[in-house]
Amino acid sequence: MAARTARSFRLRSPALVLWETRPALRTGEFFYAMAQASRGRARPRLVDAAAILTEYRAEFELAKPSPLVQRIVFGCLAPFGCGALRAVPR
Protein backbone atom coordinates (compact mmCIF):
# COMPACT_ATOMS: atom_id res chain seq x y z
CA MET A 1 0.00 0.00 0.00
CA ALA A 2 1.13 3.50 -0.68
CA ALA A 3 2.20 5.80 2.14
CA ARG A 4 -0.56 7.91 3.74
CA THR A 5 -3.22 5.40 2.62
CA ALA A 6 -5.98 4.95 5.20
CA ARG A 7 -6.30 1.40 6.50
CA SER A 8 -9.02 -0.16 8.61
CA PHE A 9 -9.75 -3.68 9.74
CA ARG A 10 -12.96 -5.21 10.97
CA LEU A 11 -13.13 -8.88 11.89
CA ARG A 12 -16.13 -10.99 12.81
CA SER A 13 -14.03 -13.62 14.56
CA PRO A 14 -10.57 -13.81 16.18
CA ALA A 15 -7.67 -13.87 13.74
CA LEU A 16 -3.90 -13.96 13.74
CA VAL A 17 -2.52 -11.07 11.71
CA LEU A 18 1.03 -10.44 10.55
CA TRP A 19 1.62 -6.72 10.06
CA GLU A 20 4.87 -5.34 8.72
CA THR A 21 5.66 -1.63 8.58
CA ARG A 22 8.48 -0.34 6.38
CA PRO A 23 10.31 1.73 7.30
CA ALA A 24 9.48 0.94 10.90
CA LEU A 25 10.53 4.33 12.27
CA ARG A 26 9.22 4.30 15.88
CA THR A 27 6.14 2.15 15.29
CA GLY A 28 7.05 -0.25 18.10
CA GLU A 29 7.42 2.59 20.58
CA PHE A 30 4.08 4.04 19.41
CA PHE A 31 2.19 0.81 20.13
CA TYR A 32 4.03 0.40 23.45
CA ALA A 33 3.02 3.92 24.50
CA MET A 34 -0.61 3.29 23.51
CA ALA A 35 -0.67 0.01 25.47
CA GLN A 36 0.86 1.66 28.55
CA ALA A 37 -1.56 4.59 28.35
CA SER A 38 -4.56 2.26 28.08
CA ARG A 39 -3.78 0.67 31.47
CA GLY A 40 -6.19 -2.22 30.95
CA ARG A 41 -8.92 -0.12 29.34
CA ALA A 42 -10.11 -0.50 25.75
CA ARG A 43 -8.39 2.77 24.81
CA PRO A 44 -6.32 5.49 26.49
CA ARG A 45 -7.70 8.74 27.89
CA LEU A 46 -8.10 11.42 25.22
CA VAL A 47 -5.30 13.60 26.62
CA ASP A 48 -2.91 10.61 26.68
CA ALA A 49 -3.85 9.63 23.12
CA ALA A 50 -3.35 13.25 22.02
CA ALA A 51 0.14 13.34 23.55
CA ILE A 52 1.09 10.04 21.91
CA LEU A 53 -0.37 10.92 18.52
CA THR A 54 1.43 14.27 18.62
CA GLU A 55 4.77 12.65 19.52
CA TYR A 56 4.46 9.90 16.90
CA ARG A 57 2.77 11.79 14.05
CA ALA A 58 5.52 10.65 11.63
CA GLU A 59 4.59 7.04 12.37
CA PHE A 60 0.80 7.18 12.72
CA GLU A 61 -1.96 9.56 11.66
CA LEU A 62 -5.69 9.17 12.07
CA ALA A 63 -7.80 9.18 8.90
CA LYS A 64 -10.32 11.55 10.52
CA PRO A 65 -10.45 14.41 11.42
CA SER A 66 -8.21 16.18 8.91
CA PRO A 67 -4.47 16.50 9.74
CA LEU A 68 -4.90 20.23 10.36
CA VAL A 69 -7.68 19.66 12.89
CA GLN A 70 -5.61 16.92 14.54
CA ARG A 71 -2.61 19.23 14.95
CA ILE A 72 -4.73 21.97 16.49
CA VAL A 73 -6.81 19.79 18.84
CA PHE A 74 -4.08 17.34 19.81
CA GLY A 75 -1.60 20.19 20.20
CA CYS A 76 -3.90 21.79 22.77
CA LEU A 77 -4.59 18.53 24.63
CA ALA A 78 -1.12 16.93 24.47
CA PRO A 79 0.48 18.89 27.34
CA PHE A 80 -2.10 17.42 29.73
CA GLY A 81 -1.24 13.84 28.75
CA CYS A 82 2.54 13.90 28.76
CA GLY A 83 2.65 11.30 31.54
CA ALA A 84 1.77 8.67 28.94
CA LEU A 85 5.11 9.21 27.22
CA ARG A 86 7.30 8.85 30.31
CA ALA A 87 6.83 5.07 30.34
CA VAL A 88 8.22 4.59 26.83
CA PRO A 89 11.76 3.18 26.88
CA ARG A 90 14.11 5.18 24.65
C-alpha atoms as a PDB file:
ATOM      1  CA  MET A   1       0.000   0.000   0.000  1.00  0.00           C
ATOM      2  CA  ALA A   2       1.130   3.503  -0.677  1.00  0.00           C
ATOM      3  CA  ALA A   3       2.199   5.801   2.145  1.00  0.00           C
ATOM      4  CA  ARG A   4      -0.564   7.908   3.741  1.00  0.00           C
ATOM      5  CA  THR A   5      -3.221   5.403   2.619  1.00  0.00           C
ATOM      6  CA  ALA A   6      -5.983   4.948   5.198  1.00  0.00           C
ATOM      7  CA  ARG A   7      -6.298   1.404   6.502  1.00  0.00           C
ATOM      8  CA  SER A   8      -9.018  -0.163   8.606  1.00  0.00           C
ATOM      9  CA  PHE A   9      -9.751  -3.678   9.736  1.00  0.00           C
ATOM     10  CA  ARG A  10     -12.959  -5.208  10.966  1.00  0.00           C
ATOM     11  CA  LEU A  11     -13.129  -8.877  11.887  1.00  0.00           C
ATOM     12  CA  ARG A  12     -16.131 -10.989  12.807  1.00  0.00           C
ATOM     13  CA  SER A  13     -14.027 -13.620  14.564  1.00  0.00           C
ATOM     14  CA  PRO A  14     -10.573 -13.812  16.182  1.00  0.00           C
ATOM     15  CA  ALA A  15      -7.671 -13.870  13.744  1.00  0.00           C
ATOM     16  CA  LEU A  16      -3.903 -13.956  13.737  1.00  0.00           C
ATOM     17  CA  VAL A  17      -2.518 -11.065  11.711  1.00  0.00           C
ATOM     18  CA  LEU A  18       1.027 -10.441  10.552  1.00  0.00           C
ATOM     19  CA  TRP A  19       1.618  -6.721  10.061  1.00  0.00           C
ATOM     20  CA  GLU A  20       4.867  -5.339   8.719  1.00  0.00           C
ATOM     21  CA  THR A  21       5.663  -1.627   8.576  1.00  0.00           C
ATOM     22  CA  ARG A  22       8.478  -0.343   6.375  1.00  0.00           C
ATOM     23  CA  PRO A  23      10.315   1.734   7.302  1.00  0.00           C
ATOM     24  CA  ALA A  24       9.482   0.937  10.897  1.00  0.00           C
ATOM     25  CA  LEU A  25      10.528   4.333  12.270  1.00  0.00           C
ATOM     26  CA  ARG A  26       9.223   4.305  15.884  1.00  0.00           C
ATOM     27  CA  THR A  27       6.143   2.150  15.289  1.00  0.00           C
ATOM     28  CA  GLY A  28       7.050  -0.253  18.099  1.00  0.00           C
ATOM     29  CA  GLU A  29       7.421   2.591  20.581  1.00  0.00           C
ATOM     30  CA  PHE A  30       4.084   4.043  19.407  1.00  0.00           C
ATOM     31  CA  PHE A  31       2.193   0.806  20.125  1.00  0.00           C
ATOM     32  CA  TYR A  32       4.029   0.402  23.451  1.00  0.00           C
ATOM     33  CA  ALA A  33       3.017   3.917  24.500  1.00  0.00           C
ATOM     34  CA  MET A  34      -0.611   3.286  23.508  1.00  0.00           C
ATOM     35  CA  ALA A  35      -0.673   0.014  25.470  1.00  0.00           C
ATOM     36  CA  GLN A  36       0.865   1.659  28.547  1.00  0.00           C
ATOM     37  CA  ALA A  37      -1.558   4.592  28.352  1.00  0.00           C
ATOM     38  CA  SER A  38      -4.558   2.259  28.079  1.00  0.00           C
ATOM     39  CA  ARG A  39      -3.784   0.675  31.469  1.00  0.00           C
ATOM     40  CA  GLY A  40      -6.189  -2.223  30.954  1.00  0.00           C
ATOM     41  CA  ARG A  41      -8.922  -0.125  29.341  1.00  0.00           C
ATOM     42  CA  ALA A  42     -10.114  -0.502  25.748  1.00  0.00           C
ATOM     43  CA  ARG A  43      -8.386   2.766  24.811  1.00  0.00           C
ATOM     44  CA  PRO A  44      -6.325   5.487  26.494  1.00  0.00           C
ATOM     45  CA  ARG A  45      -7.700   8.742  27.888  1.00  0.00           C
ATOM     46  CA  LEU A  46      -8.103  11.419  25.220  1.00  0.00           C
ATOM     47  CA  VAL A  47      -5.300  13.597  26.617  1.00  0.00           C
ATOM     48  CA  ASP A  48      -2.909  10.614  26.680  1.00  0.00           C
ATOM     49  CA  ALA A  49      -3.847   9.630  23.118  1.00  0.00           C
ATOM     50  CA  ALA A  50      -3.354  13.251  22.021  1.00  0.00           C
ATOM     51  CA  ALA A  51       0.139  13.338  23.550  1.00  0.00           C
ATOM     52  CA  ILE A  52       1.091  10.044  21.914  1.00  0.00           C
ATOM     53  CA  LEU A  53      -0.374  10.924  18.515  1.00  0.00           C
ATOM     54  CA  THR A  54       1.435  14.270  18.617  1.00  0.00           C
ATOM     55  CA  GLU A  55       4.770  12.652  19.523  1.00  0.00           C
ATOM     56  CA  TYR A  56       4.456   9.897  16.898  1.00  0.00           C
ATOM     57  CA  ARG A  57       2.769  11.786  14.050  1.00  0.00           C
ATOM     58  CA  ALA A  58       5.516  10.654  11.629  1.00  0.00           C
ATOM     59  CA  GLU A  59       4.585   7.036  12.368  1.00  0.00           C
ATOM     60  CA  PHE A  60       0.805   7.184  12.723  1.00  0.00           C
ATOM     61  CA  GLU A  61      -1.956   9.562  11.656  1.00  0.00           C
ATOM     62  CA  LEU A  62      -5.694   9.171  12.072  1.00  0.00           C
ATOM     63  CA  ALA A  63      -7.804   9.183   8.898  1.00  0.00           C
ATOM     64  CA  LYS A  64     -10.316  11.554  10.519  1.00  0.00           C
ATOM     65  CA  PRO A  65     -10.447  14.412  11.418  1.00  0.00           C
ATOM     66  CA  SER A  66      -8.205  16.182   8.914  1.00  0.00           C
ATOM     67  CA  PRO A  67      -4.473  16.499   9.736  1.00  0.00           C
ATOM     68  CA  LEU A  68      -4.903  20.232  10.356  1.00  0.00           C
ATOM     69  CA  VAL A  69      -7.676  19.661  12.887  1.00  0.00           C
ATOM     70  CA  GLN A  70      -5.608  16.917  14.537  1.00  0.00           C
ATOM     71  CA  ARG A  71      -2.614  19.229  14.946  1.00  0.00           C
ATOM     72  CA  ILE A  72      -4.733  21.966  16.493  1.00  0.00           C
ATOM     73  CA  VAL A  73      -6.811  19.793  18.841  1.00  0.00           C
ATOM     74  CA  PHE A  74      -4.079  17.336  19.808  1.00  0.00           C
ATOM     75  CA  GLY A  75      -1.596  20.193  20.199  1.00  0.00           C
ATOM     76  CA  CYS A  76      -3.902  21.791  22.774  1.00  0.00           C
ATOM     77  CA  LEU A  77      -4.586  18.531  24.632  1.00  0.00           C
ATOM     78  CA  ALA A  78      -1.119  16.928  24.465  1.00  0.00           C
ATOM     79  CA  PRO A  79       0.484  18.895  27.342  1.00  0.00           C
ATOM     80  CA  PHE A  80      -2.096  17.416  29.727  1.00  0.00           C
ATOM     81  CA  GLY A  81      -1.242  13.844  28.746  1.00  0.00           C
ATOM     82  CA  CYS A  82       2.544  13.904  28.765  1.00  0.00           C
ATOM     83  CA  GLY A  83       2.653  11.299  31.539  1.00  0.00           C
ATOM     84  CA  ALA A  84       1.772   8.669  28.945  1.00  0.00           C
ATOM     85  CA  LEU A  85       5.106   9.213  27.217  1.00  0.00           C
ATOM     86  CA  ARG A  86       7.299   8.851  30.313  1.00  0.00           C
ATOM     87  CA  ALA A  87       6.833   5.073  30.342  1.00  0.00           C
ATOM     88  CA  VAL A  88       8.217   4.588  26.825  1.00  0.00           C
ATOM     89  CA  PRO A  89      11.758   3.178  26.876  1.00  0.00           C
ATOM     90  CA  ARG A  90      14.111   5.181  24.649  1.00  0.00           C
END
